[in-house]
Amino acid sequence: MGVLTTAVLLVLTLGGLASAQEVAVGAAELPRDLTPWGMYLAADWVVKSVMIGLLFASLVTWTVWLAKSIELLSAKRNARNALKALSSARSLDDAVRALGDTKGPVGQLLRAAVLELQLSAEGMERDGILSRIASRLGRIEIARSRSITRGTGVLATIGSTAPFVGLFGTVWGIMNSFIGISKAQTTNLAVVAPGIAEALLATAFGLVAAIPAVVIYNVFSRQIAGYRGLLGDASAEIERLVSRDLDRRAAAASPAPARRSQLAAAE
């Protein structure tokens, strides 16, 4: 009995030593640097490529935000000032003297209206002139709206695709983790942790690139809608000025036939 007991105790002692040795080896092999930079350096080249691409997409997002913010602020300020000048003008000539030399869209709208008035011969129908002017102004509005939205499409693309690109890096990192488990024939945390960490970091990069892009795109969409409204108000103001001038011409020309009819009746 004493020998059997001694043998059992020896086996248990050796098993405990082996388990302790495995734990010590696992702790020694567990990567110490789990910072974002350390995980990036330890990542597979595919995961690294995904991270670099998402970082570049984030840089593009903030570059577009800065450039488009400055452009929209300047365009809306100029449009508001021009709209105030149009509202205070009593005729199209007054508006042309105030804004005809400006390079902004309102100046372009004014010059288009003046050009159509010059091309329209005397005696043409008032409704036809107004319709042609409205057509010219509408085309300019569409062109300016298309121009001001340039660059925002890339924000929508980044916002919709960046999470899936990050997900691809996640899948690739998890796949590498399972491959490491298969090769090492162990589920030791030192084998699993690096790939999982890289996968989660790729997901984080995707979210960091996508969330600001979506938010900035929505903000720009509202600002561009407001800018389009300002251009629409400017076009409506120009049409009112043209209509007012045409009515004045008609009123100035109408008394002459009346006087002739009165003279003929007197004779």
Protein backbone atom coordinates (compact mmCIF):
# COMPACT_ATOMS: atom_id res chain seq x y z
CA MET A 1 0.00 0.00 0.00
CA GLY A 2 2.81 2.36 0.84
CA VAL A 3 4.49 1.82 -2.55
CA LEU A 4 1.19 2.30 -4.42
CA THR A 5 0.50 5.50 -2.57
CA THR A 6 3.99 6.78 -3.32
CA ALA A 7 3.56 6.03 -7.05
CA VAL A 8 0.25 7.83 -7.21
CA LEU A 9 1.71 10.86 -5.49
CA LEU A 10 4.66 10.85 -7.90
CA VAL A 11 2.37 10.77 -10.95
CA LEU A 12 0.27 13.61 -9.59
CA THR A 13 3.40 15.64 -8.85
CA LEU A 14 4.80 15.11 -12.36
CA GLY A 15 1.43 16.04 -13.89
CA GLY A 16 1.29 19.22 -11.84
CA LEU A 17 4.82 20.14 -12.90
CA ALA A 18 3.95 19.56 -16.55
CA SER A 19 0.84 21.72 -16.26
CA ALA A 20 2.80 24.46 -14.54
CA GLN A 21 5.47 24.27 -17.24
CA GLU A 22 2.83 24.56 -20.00
CA VAL A 23 1.32 27.59 -18.28
CA ALA A 24 4.73 29.17 -17.93
CA VAL A 25 5.54 28.55 -21.59
CA GLY A 26 2.16 29.97 -22.61
CA ALA A 27 2.75 33.06 -20.51
CA ALA A 28 6.21 33.49 -22.00
CA GLU A 29 4.89 33.18 -25.55
CA LEU A 30 1.95 35.54 -24.99
CA PRO A 31 2.70 38.77 -26.85
CA ARG A 32 3.40 41.66 -24.50
CA ASP A 33 2.86 44.58 -26.93
CA LEU A 34 -0.89 44.72 -27.54
CA THR A 35 -0.94 48.41 -28.40
CA PRO A 36 -2.46 49.40 -31.78
CA TRP A 37 1.00 49.97 -33.24
CA GLY A 38 2.30 46.68 -31.89
CA MET A 39 -0.70 44.80 -33.28
CA TYR A 40 -0.23 46.50 -36.63
CA LEU A 41 3.43 45.44 -36.77
CA ALA A 42 2.51 41.86 -35.89
CA ALA A 43 -0.36 41.68 -38.36
CA ASP A 44 -0.43 39.73 -41.60
CA TRP A 45 0.34 41.70 -44.78
CA VAL A 46 -3.29 41.44 -45.89
CA VAL A 47 -4.53 42.91 -42.61
CA LYS A 48 -1.86 45.60 -42.86
CA SER A 49 -3.04 46.49 -46.36
CA VAL A 50 -6.62 46.76 -45.11
CA MET A 51 -5.56 49.06 -42.28
CA ILE A 52 -3.49 51.29 -44.57
CA GLY A 53 -6.36 51.54 -47.04
CA LEU A 54 -8.83 52.48 -44.30
CA LEU A 55 -6.40 55.02 -42.88
CA PHE A 56 -6.08 56.59 -46.33
CA ALA A 57 -9.88 56.65 -46.67
CA SER A 58 -10.13 58.45 -43.33
CA LEU A 59 -7.55 60.99 -44.51
CA VAL A 60 -9.56 61.58 -47.68
CA THR A 61 -12.72 62.07 -45.61
CA TRP A 62 -11.21 64.81 -43.47
CA THR A 63 -9.58 66.46 -46.48
CA VAL A 64 -12.93 66.63 -48.27
CA TRP A 65 -14.54 67.95 -45.08
CA LEU A 66 -12.05 70.81 -44.80
CA ALA A 67 -12.12 71.80 -48.48
CA LYS A 68 -15.88 71.47 -48.91
CA SER A 69 -16.64 73.28 -45.64
CA ILE A 70 -14.64 76.30 -46.77
CA GLU A 71 -16.26 76.19 -50.22
CA LEU A 72 -19.80 75.93 -48.86
CA LEU A 73 -19.36 78.65 -46.26
CA SER A 74 -17.98 81.05 -48.87
CA ALA A 75 -20.64 80.17 -51.46
CA LYS A 76 -23.55 80.56 -49.03
CA ARG A 77 -22.23 83.87 -47.69
CA ASN A 78 -21.83 85.28 -51.21
CA ALA A 79 -25.28 84.03 -52.22
CA ARG A 80 -26.91 85.65 -49.19
CA ASN A 81 -25.22 88.98 -49.88
CA ALA A 82 -26.21 88.85 -53.55
CA LEU A 83 -29.79 87.97 -52.62
CA LYS A 84 -29.98 91.03 -50.37
CA ALA A 85 -28.77 93.21 -53.25
CA LEU A 86 -31.37 91.68 -55.58
CA SER A 87 -34.14 92.24 -53.06
CA SER A 88 -33.28 95.93 -52.80
CA ALA A 89 -33.06 96.47 -56.61
CA ARG A 90 -36.04 98.14 -58.28
CA SER A 91 -35.17 97.04 -61.81
CA LEU A 92 -32.95 94.63 -63.66
CA ASP A 93 -30.59 97.46 -64.57
CA ASP A 94 -30.11 98.29 -60.88
CA ALA A 95 -29.30 94.64 -60.17
CA VAL A 96 -26.84 94.49 -63.07
CA ARG A 97 -25.05 97.61 -61.84
CA ALA A 98 -24.75 96.09 -58.38
CA LEU A 99 -23.93 92.48 -59.26
CA GLY A 100 -23.26 92.23 -62.98
CA ASP A 101 -19.48 92.06 -62.58
CA THR A 102 -19.48 89.42 -59.85
CA LYS A 103 -18.09 85.99 -60.69
CA GLY A 104 -20.50 84.05 -58.52
CA PRO A 105 -23.62 82.19 -59.61
CA VAL A 106 -25.93 85.17 -59.02
CA GLY A 107 -23.89 87.28 -61.43
CA GLN A 108 -24.09 84.47 -63.94
CA LEU A 109 -27.86 84.31 -63.52
CA LEU A 110 -28.15 88.07 -64.09
CA ARG A 111 -26.02 87.98 -67.24
CA ALA A 112 -28.09 85.10 -68.61
CA ALA A 113 -31.31 87.06 -68.08
CA VAL A 114 -29.88 90.17 -69.75
CA LEU A 115 -28.64 88.10 -72.69
CA GLU A 116 -32.06 86.56 -73.26
CA LEU A 117 -33.67 89.99 -73.13
CA GLN A 118 -31.23 91.23 -75.74
CA LEU A 119 -31.87 88.24 -77.99
CA SER A 120 -35.63 88.62 -77.70
CA ALA A 121 -36.81 91.13 -80.30
CA GLU A 122 -39.29 93.87 -79.60
CA GLY A 123 -42.88 92.76 -79.86
CA MET A 124 -42.31 89.20 -78.66
CA GLU A 125 -44.80 87.80 -76.20
CA ARG A 126 -44.08 88.47 -72.55
CA ASP A 127 -44.80 84.89 -71.45
CA GLY A 128 -42.38 83.50 -74.03
CA ILE A 129 -39.58 85.78 -72.84
CA LEU A 130 -40.15 84.84 -69.22
CA SER A 131 -40.25 81.14 -70.12
CA ARG A 132 -36.93 81.33 -71.96
CA ILE A 133 -35.31 83.25 -69.11
CA ALA A 134 -36.59 80.69 -66.60
CA SER A 135 -35.11 77.92 -68.74
CA ARG A 136 -31.70 79.59 -68.81
CA LEU A 137 -31.75 80.23 -65.07
CA GLY A 138 -32.81 76.66 -64.37
CA ARG A 139 -29.90 75.23 -66.33
CA ILE A 140 -27.45 77.47 -64.46
CA GLU A 141 -28.92 76.37 -61.14
CA ILE A 142 -28.51 72.71 -62.08
CA ALA A 143 -24.91 73.26 -63.19
CA ARG A 144 -24.04 75.10 -59.98
CA SER A 145 -25.70 72.44 -57.85
CA ARG A 146 -23.75 69.75 -59.63
CA SER A 147 -20.55 71.70 -59.11
CA ILE A 148 -21.10 72.26 -55.38
CA THR A 149 -21.78 68.55 -54.79
CA ARG A 150 -18.51 67.51 -56.41
CA GLY A 151 -16.43 65.56 -53.89
CA THR A 152 -19.27 64.49 -51.63
CA GLY A 153 -19.82 61.24 -53.51
CA VAL A 154 -16.54 59.86 -52.18
CA LEU A 155 -17.89 60.35 -48.64
CA ALA A 156 -20.89 58.19 -49.44
CA THR A 157 -18.62 55.55 -50.95
CA ILE A 158 -16.33 55.48 -47.91
CA GLY A 159 -19.25 55.43 -45.49
CA SER A 160 -20.88 52.47 -47.22
CA THR A 161 -17.81 50.36 -48.00
CA ALA A 162 -15.36 50.97 -45.13
CA PRO A 163 -17.18 48.70 -42.63
CA PHE A 164 -17.10 45.83 -45.11
CA VAL A 165 -13.42 46.39 -45.86
CA GLY A 166 -12.75 46.28 -42.12
CA LEU A 167 -14.88 43.14 -41.91
CA PHE A 168 -12.69 41.55 -44.56
CA GLY A 169 -9.64 42.24 -42.39
CA THR A 170 -11.52 40.77 -39.43
CA VAL A 171 -12.32 37.57 -41.30
CA TRP A 172 -8.75 37.27 -42.51
CA GLY A 173 -7.34 37.72 -38.99
CA ILE A 174 -9.70 35.16 -37.50
CA MET A 175 -8.84 32.74 -40.29
CA ASN A 176 -5.15 33.14 -39.48
CA SER A 177 -5.94 32.48 -35.82
CA PHE A 178 -7.63 29.18 -36.67
CA ILE A 179 -4.71 28.24 -38.91
CA GLY A 180 -2.35 28.94 -36.01
CA ILE A 181 -4.46 26.77 -33.72
CA SER A 182 -4.39 23.95 -36.26
CA LYS A 183 -0.62 24.11 -36.71
CA ALA A 184 0.17 24.38 -33.01
CA GLN A 185 -2.35 21.68 -32.07
CA THR A 186 -3.29 23.74 -29.06
CA THR A 187 -5.86 26.29 -27.95
CA ASN A 188 -3.28 28.22 -25.97
CA LEU A 189 -4.14 31.92 -25.66
CA ALA A 190 -0.69 32.82 -26.98
CA VAL A 191 -1.65 31.29 -30.33
CA VAL A 192 -5.17 32.71 -30.56
CA ALA A 193 -4.78 36.22 -29.13
CA PRO A 194 -2.63 37.93 -31.80
CA GLY A 195 -4.90 37.08 -34.74
CA ILE A 196 -8.06 38.00 -32.84
CA ALA A 197 -6.52 41.30 -31.77
CA GLU A 198 -5.51 42.10 -35.35
CA ALA A 199 -9.01 41.22 -36.56
CA LEU A 200 -10.64 43.52 -34.02
CA LEU A 201 -8.21 46.32 -34.89
CA ALA A 202 -9.19 46.05 -38.57
CA THR A 203 -12.84 46.33 -37.58
CA ALA A 204 -12.06 49.42 -35.50
CA PHE A 205 -10.25 51.02 -38.45
CA GLY A 206 -13.29 50.39 -40.63
CA LEU A 207 -15.61 52.07 -38.15
CA VAL A 208 -13.25 55.00 -37.66
CA ALA A 209 -13.26 55.57 -41.42
CA ALA A 210 -16.99 55.01 -41.98
CA ILE A 211 -18.71 56.87 -39.14
CA PRO A 212 -17.21 60.34 -39.79
CA ALA A 213 -17.79 59.92 -43.54
CA VAL A 214 -21.50 59.23 -43.04
CA VAL A 215 -21.96 62.10 -40.56
CA ILE A 216 -20.08 64.60 -42.76
CA TYR A 217 -22.00 63.49 -45.85
CA ASN A 218 -25.33 64.12 -44.09
CA VAL A 219 -24.17 67.55 -42.89
CA PHE A 220 -23.06 68.49 -46.40
CA SER A 221 -26.35 67.26 -47.85
CA ARG A 222 -28.28 69.68 -45.64
CA GLN A 223 -25.93 72.56 -46.39
CA ILE A 224 -26.09 71.94 -50.14
CA ALA A 225 -29.89 71.85 -49.98
CA GLY A 226 -29.79 75.25 -48.28
CA TYR A 227 -27.45 76.57 -50.97
CA ARG A 228 -29.77 75.34 -53.69
CA GLY A 229 -32.59 77.15 -51.95
CA LEU A 230 -30.61 80.39 -52.04
CA LEU A 231 -29.99 79.99 -55.77
CA GLY A 232 -33.67 79.29 -56.31
CA ASP A 233 -34.57 82.46 -54.40
CA ALA A 234 -32.10 84.45 -56.52
CA SER A 235 -33.60 83.08 -59.75
CA ALA A 236 -37.10 83.93 -58.57
CA GLU A 237 -36.00 87.46 -57.68
CA ILE A 238 -34.44 87.94 -61.14
CA GLU A 239 -37.61 86.68 -62.82
CA ARG A 240 -39.64 89.17 -60.80
CA LEU A 241 -37.33 91.99 -61.87
CA VAL A 242 -37.62 90.97 -65.53
CA SER A 243 -41.40 90.71 -65.26
CA ARG A 244 -41.55 94.14 -63.65
CA ASP A 245 -39.41 95.68 -66.41
CA LEU A 246 -41.56 94.08 -69.13
CA ASP A 247 -44.71 95.42 -67.51
CA ARG A 248 -43.16 98.87 -67.36
CA ARG A 249 -42.34 98.72 -71.06
CA ALA A 250 -45.86 97.65 -71.86
CA ALA A 251 -47.31 100.41 -69.68
CA ALA A 252 -45.05 103.01 -71.30
CA ALA A 253 -46.02 101.90 -74.82
CA SER A 254 -49.77 101.58 -74.25
CA PRO A 255 -50.72 105.33 -73.93
CA ALA A 256 -49.58 106.17 -77.48
CA PRO A 257 -52.24 104.10 -79.27
CA ALA A 258 -54.82 105.45 -76.84
CA ARG A 259 -53.94 109.06 -77.75
CA ARG A 260 -54.08 108.27 -81.46
CA SER A 261 -57.54 106.77 -81.07
CA GLN A 262 -58.70 109.86 -79.17
CA LEU A 263 -57.39 112.18 -81.91
CA ALA A 264 -59.08 110.11 -84.58
CA ALA A 265 -62.37 110.28 -82.68
CA ALA A 266 -62.06 114.06 -82.30
CA GLU A 267 -61.54 114.51 -86.05
